[in-house]
C-alpha cells in the first residue's frame, strides 16, 4: 500500500515543489495538487549541468547554469552570458562579498584562484532610485516598514490607497487586506532598513525573537537604493533578492538568518544564513589569490553554528585549527580539511553518505557523527588517538569499522549502529567503554590483536559478537 500523506508539512513540501517546477506563486489545496502536477509542462526541460570546479548560478534562484573544470575555464577569455530577466539589470558575476574588496570577479582572477568556486549572477532593479517589495498577505495585517530618505521619496503601497511622501528616517505602518501586492518606493535615493539590530525592513505583529515577518517575498532595488545589513533578517517568506552590490552596505555582511524560503545563497557568508532551509548552493568566498581559505560558506569557517540545511554538495578547505560545524545539513558529500573535530560536527546529517576525516585529526569529539543514518563507511586516519562518547551513535547504515593502531581510548562511541557486522582493531587501546557497541544487534565479529582479558569490558556491549583474539589478519 502506498504511503499516505499524514501531516500538513507534507502538503506544504509538495506545494513548494509544484511552485518551483511550475514557476508560479499559486497556492493549492490538497485536492488541487494532482491536477497542478499534471499541468506542469515538460517541454524543453533541461537539467542542471553537473557540478564541477567553476560553477555559475542564477543569483535569484540558485539554479546552476554552467559548470567547467579548471582546465576548461583556463581556455576561456570571458565569462558566460547571464540570463536576461525582465525588470532587472545584470550587474556582474560575483563569488560573494569580501570585506574590503570589490566583489566583481574577472576571468583572470578566477583563473589565478585555481580551485573550486561557486559564482553567482548579481542582479539589481532596472529603475534607479526605486525599490519594489513583494508582499503576500494571508490575513489582514498591519505592517511596519523602516525606510530612510534624506531628500524625500514616495511610497505606493500597491493596494489602491493614496501614495505617501516621506523625508528622513521613517517607521511607517500600513494595514493590508489579504492579497498579493507590490509596494514601490521611488523618487530619490533611499535606504531600506538599517545596519543596526533593530533595522529590519518589514515587521508584522506576530514577530518573534527570530522571525520578523512572513509576508515579504522579494526585494528589488535599483541603483541609488541601499539595503541595510539587518534589513532582511528574519523575513521568513523572502524568496529572492535583486539588490546589486548595494546590499553590501559599507562592506558589512548582509544578514539573512531565518529567511527559511530564500532560494539563493549568493549574497552572504554562511554565518548569516542560519536556518535558510531552501538554499541549495552557497557562493564561494574568494580571498586574495594564494589565500588560505576556500570556504563555500564564507570566510569564517570556525563560526558556522547552524548552516543552511538544504545544501546538495559541500567542499570546504581551510587552514583554521577549528572545523566548522555542519550539524543538520542535508549534504550527501562533504570534503573538509581541519586539524581537530568539534563536538556534534556532523550530528544529524541524515543524508550524509561520504565524508573524509583529514589525516591531521587526532580526536573525534563527542557526537561528531551521531545520527548520520545514511553513513555507510568512514576511513579513520592512521594518526587518530581518541574516539569520544557517542561519536558514531545511531549511524544505522555503518556496516564495517576499522580502528587505527594509534587509538588509545574509545567511549560509548558506536551505540545503536544496527547494520554494523564487523569491527577490526589494528592496535590495542588502553580503554574501551563497556557500552561502546551496545545496541549493535548485527555485530557478529570483533577482531583484536591482543590476548583475552588484555583490555577490560569485553565484549563492550556487543551481545551477539564473537571476539577473535590475537588477530593478525588471516588467522581466523
Protein backbone atom coordinates (compact mmCIF):
# COMPACT_ATOMS: atom_id res chain seq x y z
CA UNK A 1 0.00 0.00 0.00
CA UNK A 2 1.36 3.43 -0.89
CA UNK A 3 2.46 5.73 1.89
CA UNK A 4 -0.22 8.18 2.91
CA UNK A 5 0.33 11.88 3.43
CA UNK A 6 -0.27 12.26 7.12
CA UNK A 7 0.54 15.84 8.05
CA UNK A 8 0.36 19.38 6.80
CA UNK A 9 4.15 19.64 6.45
CA UNK A 10 3.98 17.02 3.69
CA UNK A 11 1.29 19.06 1.92
CA UNK A 12 3.46 22.17 2.26
CA UNK A 13 6.51 20.39 0.85
CA UNK A 14 4.54 19.14 -2.15
CA UNK A 15 3.09 22.60 -2.79
CA UNK A 16 6.59 24.11 -2.64
CA UNK A 17 7.80 21.57 -5.20
CA UNK A 18 4.87 22.34 -7.53
CA UNK A 19 5.55 26.09 -7.33
CA UNK A 20 9.23 25.57 -8.05
CA UNK A 21 8.62 23.36 -11.09
CA UNK A 22 5.72 25.38 -12.45
CA UNK A 23 7.48 28.72 -11.72
CA UNK A 24 4.35 30.10 -10.09
CA UNK A 25 3.29 31.53 -6.74
CA UNK A 26 -0.12 29.85 -6.74
CA UNK A 27 -1.47 28.21 -3.61
CA UNK A 28 -3.10 24.75 -3.63
CA UNK A 29 -5.48 22.70 -1.57
CA UNK A 30 -4.59 19.00 -1.26
CA UNK A 31 -7.37 18.16 -3.73
CA UNK A 32 -5.84 20.51 -6.34
CA UNK A 33 -2.29 19.13 -6.16
CA UNK A 34 -2.65 16.20 -8.56
CA UNK A 35 -4.15 18.44 -11.25
CA UNK A 36 -1.45 21.06 -10.70
CA UNK A 37 1.30 18.45 -11.10
CA UNK A 38 -0.28 17.13 -14.31
CA UNK A 39 -0.39 20.65 -15.73
CA UNK A 40 3.35 21.26 -15.37
CA UNK A 41 4.90 21.43 -18.82
CA UNK A 42 7.78 19.07 -19.54
CA UNK A 43 8.60 20.60 -22.92
CA UNK A 44 12.21 21.72 -23.31
CA UNK A 45 13.05 20.65 -19.77
CA UNK A 46 16.79 20.85 -19.23
CA UNK A 47 18.57 19.51 -16.19
CA UNK A 48 21.26 21.48 -14.42
CA UNK A 49 24.83 20.71 -15.51
CA UNK A 50 26.76 18.52 -13.11
CA UNK A 51 28.75 20.41 -10.52
CA UNK A 52 32.39 20.88 -11.42
CA UNK A 53 35.30 23.15 -10.42
CA UNK A 54 33.99 26.53 -11.65
CA UNK A 55 30.22 26.75 -11.28
CA UNK A 56 27.93 29.59 -12.37
CA UNK A 57 24.50 30.11 -10.81
CA UNK A 58 21.41 32.27 -11.23
CA UNK A 59 21.69 34.77 -8.39
CA UNK A 60 17.93 34.78 -7.77
CA UNK A 61 17.01 31.11 -7.78
CA UNK A 62 20.34 29.41 -7.16
CA UNK A 63 19.90 27.34 -10.34
CA UNK A 64 23.22 26.08 -11.71
CA UNK A 65 23.69 27.49 -15.21
CA UNK A 66 27.18 26.44 -16.28
CA UNK A 67 29.92 24.23 -14.89
CA UNK A 68 33.53 23.94 -16.06
CA UNK A 69 36.60 22.08 -14.96
CA UNK A 70 39.61 24.21 -14.03
CA UNK A 71 41.26 23.18 -17.29
CA UNK A 72 38.18 24.11 -19.35
CA UNK A 73 37.89 27.51 -17.70
CA UNK A 74 41.59 28.18 -18.28
CA UNK A 75 40.82 28.25 -22.02
CA UNK A 76 38.03 30.85 -21.68
CA UNK A 77 38.51 34.55 -22.43
CA UNK A 78 35.27 35.80 -20.91
CA UNK A 79 32.52 34.76 -18.54
CA UNK A 80 29.43 33.03 -19.97
CA UNK A 81 26.31 35.10 -20.59
CA UNK A 82 24.00 35.72 -17.66
CA UNK A 83 20.26 35.16 -18.21
CA UNK A 84 18.15 38.16 -19.19
CA UNK A 85 15.39 38.75 -16.62
CA UNK A 86 12.63 41.30 -17.33
CA UNK A 87 12.64 44.24 -14.93
CA UNK A 88 16.19 43.53 -13.77
CA UNK A 89 19.68 44.53 -14.82
CA UNK A 90 22.59 42.11 -14.66
CA UNK A 91 25.30 43.75 -12.55
CA UNK A 92 28.23 41.33 -12.63
CA UNK A 93 29.38 37.85 -11.67
CA UNK A 94 30.38 37.53 -8.03
CA UNK A 95 31.52 34.90 -5.57
CA UNK A 96 30.15 36.68 -2.53
CA UNK A 97 31.02 39.79 -0.62
CA UNK A 98 34.59 40.03 0.60
CA UNK A 99 35.33 42.68 3.23
CA UNK A 100 37.36 45.50 1.77
CA UNK A 101 37.37 44.07 -1.75
CA UNK A 102 35.27 44.69 -4.80
CA UNK A 103 33.14 41.54 -5.22
CA UNK A 104 33.15 41.84 -9.01
CA UNK A 105 35.15 38.97 -10.44
CA UNK A 106 37.32 38.94 -13.52
CA UNK A 107 38.22 35.94 -15.63
CA UNK A 108 41.88 36.37 -14.73
CA UNK A 109 41.06 36.40 -11.02
CA UNK A 110 39.15 33.14 -11.20
CA UNK A 111 41.92 31.53 -13.24
CA UNK A 112 44.51 32.58 -10.66
CA UNK A 113 42.35 31.11 -7.91
CA UNK A 114 42.71 27.68 -9.49
CA UNK A 115 40.38 25.81 -7.12
CA UNK A 116 36.69 25.09 -6.81
CA UNK A 117 34.46 28.14 -6.71
CA UNK A 118 30.75 28.97 -6.92
CA UNK A 119 29.95 32.14 -8.86
CA UNK A 120 26.59 33.91 -8.95
CA UNK A 121 24.95 36.33 -11.37
CA UNK A 122 24.20 39.50 -9.41
CA UNK A 123 21.06 41.44 -10.38
CA UNK A 124 19.51 44.77 -9.46
CA UNK A 125 16.31 46.60 -10.36
CA UNK A 126 16.37 48.35 -13.73
CA UNK A 127 14.95 51.65 -12.41
CA UNK A 128 17.31 53.96 -10.45
CA UNK A 129 16.23 55.22 -7.00
CA UNK A 130 13.36 52.73 -6.95
CA UNK A 131 12.73 49.68 -4.80
CA UNK A 132 9.94 47.13 -5.19
CA UNK A 133 8.78 44.98 -2.30
CA UNK A 134 6.66 41.90 -2.97
CA UNK A 135 4.05 41.14 -0.30
CA UNK A 136 1.88 38.07 0.10
CA UNK A 137 -0.72 38.83 2.78
CA UNK A 138 -2.67 35.81 4.07
CA UNK A 139 -4.66 37.58 6.80
CA UNK A 140 -5.32 41.29 7.26
CA UNK A 141 -2.28 42.73 8.99
CA UNK A 142 -0.64 46.00 9.99
CA UNK A 143 2.93 46.06 8.73
CA UNK A 144 5.79 48.23 9.94
CA UNK A 145 8.27 49.42 7.31
CA UNK A 146 11.61 51.15 8.04
CA UNK A 147 12.78 53.46 5.25
CA UNK A 148 15.21 56.38 5.26
CA UNK A 149 15.42 59.13 2.66
CA UNK A 150 17.40 62.33 3.10
CA UNK A 151 15.68 64.22 0.30
CA UNK A 152 12.30 62.51 0.19
CA UNK A 153 10.58 59.61 -1.59
CA UNK A 154 7.08 58.50 -2.47
CA UNK A 155 5.63 55.21 -1.28
CA UNK A 156 2.90 53.49 -3.27
CA UNK A 157 1.63 50.66 -1.09
CA UNK A 158 0.19 48.90 -4.12
CA UNK A 159 -3.27 48.33 -2.65
CA UNK A 160 -5.08 51.31 -4.14
CA UNK A 161 -4.64 53.57 -1.09
CA UNK A 162 -3.12 57.04 -1.65
CA UNK A 163 0.64 57.21 -2.06
CA UNK A 164 2.60 58.75 0.79
CA UNK A 165 5.61 61.07 0.72
CA UNK A 166 8.29 60.88 3.41
CA UNK A 167 11.53 62.63 4.31
CA UNK A 168 14.08 61.44 6.85
CA UNK A 169 14.23 58.25 8.87
CA UNK A 170 10.67 56.93 8.97
CA UNK A 171 8.99 53.98 10.65
CA UNK A 172 5.75 53.58 8.71
CA UNK A 173 2.70 51.45 9.44
CA UNK A 174 0.18 50.31 6.87
CA UNK A 175 -2.72 47.88 7.09
CA UNK A 176 -3.09 45.38 4.25
CA UNK A 177 -6.08 43.22 3.38
CA UNK A 178 -5.40 39.65 2.22
CA UNK A 179 -3.87 39.54 -1.25
CA UNK A 180 -0.65 39.98 -3.21
CA UNK A 181 0.86 43.42 -3.58
CA UNK A 182 3.94 45.24 -4.81
CA UNK A 183 4.93 48.20 -2.66
CA UNK A 184 7.03 50.69 -4.65
CA UNK A 185 9.36 53.28 -3.12
CA UNK A 186 10.57 55.84 -5.68
CA UNK A 187 11.57 59.42 -6.38
CA UNK A 188 15.00 59.64 -4.76
CA UNK A 189 17.90 57.80 -3.18
CA UNK A 190 16.86 55.89 -0.07
CA UNK A 191 17.77 53.12 2.29
CA UNK A 192 15.72 50.07 3.21
CA UNK A 193 16.15 49.15 6.87
CA UNK A 194 19.47 49.86 8.55
CA UNK A 195 22.72 48.32 9.79
CA UNK A 196 21.57 48.11 13.41
CA UNK A 197 19.95 45.10 15.07
CA UNK A 198 16.61 46.97 15.14
CA UNK A 199 16.85 47.96 11.50
CA UNK A 200 14.67 45.32 9.85
CA UNK A 201 12.80 46.48 6.77
CA UNK A 202 9.48 44.74 7.44
CA UNK A 203 7.85 43.63 10.68
CA UNK A 204 4.41 42.27 11.45
CA UNK A 205 2.54 42.00 14.78
CA UNK A 206 3.40 38.30 15.04
CA UNK A 207 7.14 38.89 15.13
CA UNK A 208 9.19 36.61 17.38
CA UNK A 209 12.77 36.72 18.56
CA UNK A 210 13.87 35.20 15.23
CA UNK A 211 11.09 35.87 12.68
CA UNK A 212 10.24 39.49 11.87
CA UNK A 213 7.69 38.91 9.10
CA UNK A 214 6.44 36.17 6.81
CA UNK A 215 4.79 38.21 4.07
CA UNK A 216 7.78 39.85 2.31
CA UNK A 217 8.50 37.64 -0.73
CA UNK A 218 11.01 39.64 -2.78
CA UNK A 219 13.07 42.82 -2.69
CA UNK A 220 14.23 44.53 -5.90
CA UNK A 221 16.38 47.64 -5.60
CA UNK A 222 17.73 49.82 -8.38
CA UNK A 223 20.83 51.96 -8.41
CA UNK A 224 20.67 54.56 -5.64
CA UNK A 225 18.92 52.27 -3.16
CA UNK A 226 20.91 50.96 -0.21
CA UNK A 227 19.84 47.94 1.81
CA UNK A 228 20.83 47.82 5.48
CA UNK A 229 22.73 44.78 6.67
CA UNK A 230 19.91 43.88 9.10
CA UNK A 231 17.07 44.84 6.75
CA UNK A 232 16.19 41.34 5.60
CA UNK A 233 16.93 39.27 8.68
CA UNK A 234 14.07 37.07 9.84
CA UNK A 235 11.99 37.55 6.67
CA UNK A 236 10.61 34.01 6.62
CA UNK A 237 8.73 34.43 3.31
CA UNK A 238 11.60 36.02 1.37
CA UNK A 239 12.41 34.02 -1.76
CA UNK A 240 14.73 36.20 -3.79
CA UNK A 241 16.64 39.46 -3.66
CA UNK A 242 17.85 41.63 -6.55
CA UNK A 243 19.72 44.48 -4.94
CA UNK A 244 23.07 44.53 -6.70
CA UNK A 245 26.21 45.48 -4.83
CA UNK A 246 24.32 47.99 -2.67
CA UNK A 247 23.25 45.13 -0.44
CA UNK A 248 26.80 45.09 0.97
CA UNK A 249 26.27 48.24 2.99
CA UNK A 250 29.63 49.74 3.93
CA UNK A 251 31.24 46.32 3.48
CA UNK A 252 29.04 44.89 6.26
CA UNK A 253 27.82 41.38 5.61
CA UNK A 254 24.08 41.30 4.84
CA UNK A 255 22.17 39.07 7.23
CA UNK A 256 19.60 36.51 6.09
CA UNK A 257 19.22 34.49 9.28
CA UNK A 258 15.84 32.69 9.48
CA UNK A 259 14.93 33.52 5.88
CA UNK A 260 13.58 30.00 5.55
CA UNK A 261 12.34 30.38 1.93
CA UNK A 262 15.38 32.10 0.43
CA UNK A 263 16.43 30.28 -2.74
CA UNK A 264 19.93 31.62 -3.30
CA UNK A 265 22.97 31.97 -1.03
CA UNK A 266 24.98 34.24 -3.34
CA UNK A 267 24.71 37.31 -1.15
CA UNK A 268 26.08 36.44 2.27
CA UNK A 269 28.55 34.37 4.24
CA UNK A 270 27.29 31.22 5.90
CA UNK A 271 27.19 32.60 9.43
CA UNK A 272 24.41 34.93 8.27
CA UNK A 273 22.38 32.18 6.57
CA UNK A 274 21.28 30.25 9.64
CA UNK A 275 18.13 28.17 9.08
CA UNK A 276 17.87 29.12 5.39
CA UNK A 277 16.49 25.68 4.61
CA UNK A 278 15.75 26.05 0.89
CA UNK A 279 19.17 27.27 -0.26
CA UNK A 280 20.89 24.65 -2.39
CA UNK A 281 24.21 26.29 -3.21
CA UNK A 282 26.38 28.86 -1.47
CA UNK A 283 28.65 31.45 -3.04
CA UNK A 284 32.36 30.71 -2.74
CA UNK A 285 34.17 33.48 -0.91
CA UNK A 286 37.37 34.41 -2.73
CA UNK A 287 40.23 35.82 -0.65
CA UNK A 288 43.28 37.17 -2.46
CA UNK A 289 44.91 34.60 -4.75
CA UNK A 290 47.06 32.30 -2.69
CA UNK A 291 44.96 32.90 0.43
CA UNK A 292 44.47 30.13 2.92
CA UNK A 293 40.69 29.72 2.85
CA UNK A 294 38.39 28.34 0.22
CA UNK A 295 35.13 28.15 2.06
CA UNK A 296 31.79 27.80 0.34
CA UNK A 297 30.01 29.17 3.39
CA UNK A 298 32.01 32.38 3.70
CA UNK A 299 35.23 33.50 5.29
CA UNK A 300 34.69 32.48 8.92
CA UNK A 301 34.97 28.69 8.94
CA UNK A 302 35.11 28.38 12.72
CA UNK A 303 31.87 30.31 13.24
CA UNK A 304 29.26 28.29 11.39
CA UNK A 305 26.93 27.25 14.17
CA UNK A 306 23.84 26.48 12.11
CA UNK A 307 24.45 26.49 8.36
CA UNK A 308 21.80 26.22 5.63
CA UNK A 309 20.09 22.85 5.73
CA UNK A 310 19.43 22.04 2.08
CA UNK A 311 22.87 22.07 0.50
CA UNK A 312 23.50 19.34 -2.06
CA UNK A 313 27.26 19.26 -2.10
CA UNK A 314 29.89 20.90 0.07
CA UNK A 315 33.62 21.36 -0.44
CA UNK A 316 35.46 23.24 2.25
CA UNK A 317 39.20 23.68 2.60
CA UNK A 318 40.53 25.75 5.47
CA UNK A 319 43.73 26.02 7.47
CA UNK A 320 41.86 27.22 10.54
CA UNK A 321 42.55 24.90 13.50
CA UNK A 322 38.86 24.53 14.29
CA UNK A 323 36.46 22.78 11.97
CA UNK A 324 33.14 24.39 11.08
CA UNK A 325 30.02 22.69 12.42
CA UNK A 326 27.80 21.14 9.75
CA UNK A 327 25.18 19.81 12.16
CA UNK A 328 21.85 19.14 10.48
CA UNK A 329 22.63 19.93 6.85
CA UNK A 330 21.38 17.59 4.13
CA UNK A 331 24.58 17.33 2.08
CA UNK A 332 25.38 13.85 0.78
CA UNK A 333 29.09 14.53 0.37
CA UNK A 334 31.36 16.71 2.48
CA UNK A 335 35.04 17.36 1.97
CA UNK A 336 36.78 19.38 4.66
CA UNK A 337 40.29 19.90 5.95
CA UNK A 338 40.88 20.82 9.59
CA UNK A 339 43.10 19.76 12.48
CA UNK A 340 40.51 18.95 15.14
CA UNK A 341 36.84 17.99 15.05
CA UNK A 342 34.23 19.87 17.01
CA UNK A 343 31.56 18.32 19.20
CA UNK A 344 28.48 17.43 17.13
CA UNK A 345 30.45 18.27 13.97
CA UNK A 346 28.17 16.33 11.58
CA UNK A 347 25.40 15.43 14.02
CA UNK A 348 22.07 14.52 12.39
CA UNK A 349 23.33 15.00 8.82
CA UNK A 350 20.71 12.49 7.73
CA UNK A 351 21.70 12.43 4.05
CA UNK A 352 25.46 12.17 4.57
CA UNK A 353 26.90 9.19 2.72
CA UNK A 354 30.51 10.18 2.11
CA UNK A 355 32.87 12.17 4.32
CA UNK A 356 36.61 12.42 4.72
CA UNK A 357 38.42 12.93 8.01
CA UNK A 358 41.75 14.67 7.38
CA UNK A 359 44.95 12.85 8.29
CA UNK A 360 45.77 15.60 10.81
CA UNK A 361 42.83 14.76 13.08
CA UNK A 362 43.80 13.01 16.33
CA UNK A 363 40.48 13.25 18.20
CA UNK A 364 36.89 12.61 17.15
CA UNK A 365 34.78 14.57 19.59
CA UNK A 366 31.51 13.74 21.32
CA UNK A 367 28.51 13.25 18.96
CA UNK A 368 30.65 14.15 15.95
CA UNK A 369 28.71 11.84 13.58
CA UNK A 370 25.79 10.79 15.76
CA UNK A 371 22.54 10.36 13.87
CA UNK A 372 24.16 10.19 10.41
CA UNK A 373 21.82 7.39 9.44
CA UNK A 374 22.98 7.01 5.81
CA UNK A 375 26.72 6.96 6.51
CA UNK A 376 27.82 3.51 5.32
CA UNK A 377 31.59 3.66 5.64
CA UNK A 378 34.22 6.00 7.01
CA UNK A 379 38.01 5.81 6.82
CA UNK A 380 39.56 6.83 10.12
CA UNK A 381 43.00 8.49 9.81
CA UNK A 382 46.04 6.45 10.87
CA UNK A 383 47.09 9.09 13.40
CA UNK A 384 43.77 9.05 15.27
CA UNK A 385 44.17 8.66 19.05
CA UNK A 386 40.77 9.28 20.69
CA UNK A 387 37.16 8.41 19.77
CA UNK A 388 34.90 10.09 22.31
CA UNK A 389 31.43 9.15 23.52
CA UNK A 390 28.54 8.89 21.04
CA UNK A 391 30.85 9.81 18.17
CA UNK A 392 29.01 7.42 15.82
CA UNK A 393 25.88 6.63 17.83
CA UNK A 394 22.86 5.95 15.62
CA UNK A 395 24.86 5.57 12.40
CA UNK A 396 22.43 2.85 11.41
CA UNK A 397 23.88 2.21 7.92
CA UNK A 398 27.50 1.84 9.06
CA UNK A 399 28.45 -1.74 8.20
CA UNK A 400 32.19 -2.09 8.84
CA UNK A 401 34.64 -0.37 11.18
CA UNK A 402 38.44 -0.47 11.29
CA UNK A 403 40.01 1.12 14.37
CA UNK A 404 43.51 2.53 13.62
CA UNK A 405 46.52 1.28 15.55
CA UNK A 406 47.19 4.55 17.40
CA UNK A 407 43.77 4.81 19.07
CA UNK A 408 44.24 4.72 22.87
CA UNK A 409 40.67 5.15 24.14
CA UNK A 410 37.12 4.62 22.86
CA UNK A 411 33.99 5.88 24.59
CA UNK A 412 30.44 4.60 24.13
CA UNK A 413 31.05 5.62 20.55
CA UNK A 414 29.19 3.11 18.33
CA UNK A 415 25.92 2.55 20.14
CA UNK A 416 22.90 1.53 18.03
CA UNK A 417 24.85 1.09 14.82
CA UNK A 418 22.33 -1.57 13.85
CA UNK A 419 23.88 -2.52 10.47
CA UNK A 420 27.39 -2.91 11.85
CA UNK A 421 28.61 -6.50 11.32
CA UNK A 422 32.39 -6.37 11.68
CA UNK A 423 34.87 -4.42 13.78
CA UNK A 424 38.63 -4.78 13.35
CA UNK A 425 41.25 -3.29 15.68
CA UNK A 426 44.72 -2.66 14.25
CA UNK A 427 46.20 -1.80 17.65
CA UNK A 428 45.45 -2.17 21.36
CA UNK A 429 43.60 0.72 23.02
CA UNK A 430 44.19 1.33 26.71
CA UNK A 431 40.46 1.60 27.45
CA UNK A 432 37.22 0.71 25.66
CA UNK A 433 33.92 1.75 27.21
CA UNK A 434 31.76 -1.17 28.38
CA UNK A 435 28.91 0.10 26.17
CA UNK A 436 31.00 1.05 23.13
CA UNK A 437 28.98 -1.28 20.84
CA UNK A 438 25.73 -1.64 22.75
CA UNK A 439 22.66 -1.87 20.53
CA UNK A 440 24.76 -3.10 17.59
CA UNK A 441 22.44 -6.05 17.08
CA UNK A 442 24.02 -7.24 13.80
CA UNK A 443 27.59 -7.12 15.09
CA UNK A 444 28.85 -10.72 14.97
CA UNK A 445 32.64 -10.42 14.68
CA UNK A 446 35.20 -8.30 16.54
CA UNK A 447 38.82 -8.92 15.57
CA UNK A 448 41.53 -7.79 18.01
CA UNK A 449 45.34 -8.22 18.00
CA UNK A 450 45.58 -8.77 21.78
CA UNK A 451 45.02 -11.75 24.00
CA UNK A 452 41.88 -12.40 26.04
CA UNK A 453 41.36 -10.09 29.06
CA UNK A 454 44.13 -7.71 27.93
CA UNK A 455 41.53 -4.95 27.53
CA UNK A 456 38.71 -4.77 30.06
CA UNK A 457 34.94 -4.80 29.49
CA UNK A 458 34.79 -7.24 26.56
CA UNK A 459 32.57 -7.62 24.54
CA UNK A 460 31.96 -3.89 25.13
CA UNK A 461 28.18 -4.16 24.82
CA UNK A 462 28.15 -6.29 21.64
CA UNK A 463 25.88 -9.05 22.97
CA UNK A 464 25.86 -11.09 19.73
CA UNK A 465 29.52 -10.78 18.79
CA UNK A 466 32.31 -13.33 18.73
CA UNK A 467 35.73 -11.90 19.60
CA UNK A 468 38.67 -13.25 17.62
CA UNK A 469 41.74 -12.68 19.81
CA UNK A 470 45.37 -12.44 18.66
CA UNK A 471 44.15 -11.49 15.22
CA UNK A 472 46.93 -10.77 12.75
CA UNK A 473 44.98 -10.50 9.51
CA UNK A 474 44.13 -14.01 8.43
CA UNK A 475 44.33 -16.29 11.44
CA UNK A 476 40.62 -16.87 11.90
